[in-house]
């Protein structure tokens, strides 16, 4: 994993809140949190366990002994959007960053993701798995097609030119999230938040990131039904909200 740009973070004055929704990630969450902690920027880590059925909850309790880590648990599995809603409510940072609990996304990309906000150019930054020269694991063709289709459809409604609307890495100035009510509980969060930041007139930047995707055997959770629901969300939040 590349570490270029890490020195830039050492001089940052802004506090970062890293929001991590977690569901059945006992195999990866400890390593992921260690990588986030290693990024040299002032930060808090907020873990939201969405009613995991494995040993994730016990691992989060152990991690919470760190002074910069807080963990919350849902008593019912509600979905990624609901976990993020909980995390945002408890965040105290100036900048909020979404991080998945698996190891698909590399925290060493934080320097690139934060740079447009730190320089005062952006209110929102999206990562992109489809631009830049960083490494990407080669996986499912039809997932790639589906992601590009959903991004295109979203762009048609928002008039943005994003390349990867469905990406995990999204970073927001605190004021942006404070002005938005998140309604979606599952993966519909992605098109919902995109529609709402577009309507706010936010300055949105996109930066290339590395990506090490998982197979379904390795724990990938999103499926075709989520793609169908994303289409509904694109229409709903662009035309009726």
Foldseek 3Di string as FASTA:
>chain_A
DDQPQLVVQQPFPWEEEEQEEDAQPPPFQVVQVVQLVPRNHHYAYEYEYQCHPDCPVVVLVVVCVDPRYDYHYDNHRQADLVSVVVSLVPDDTQKYKYDYRHPFFGSSCVSVQCVCVRVPNFFKEAEDQPDDDAAEDDDDPVVQVLQQVLVVLLCVLLVDDDRGLQGRTMMGGSVLVVVDDRDHRYSLSSSQSVLSCSVVVTRYYYHYGYTYDDDVVRPDDDDVVVSVVNSVSSCCNRPPD
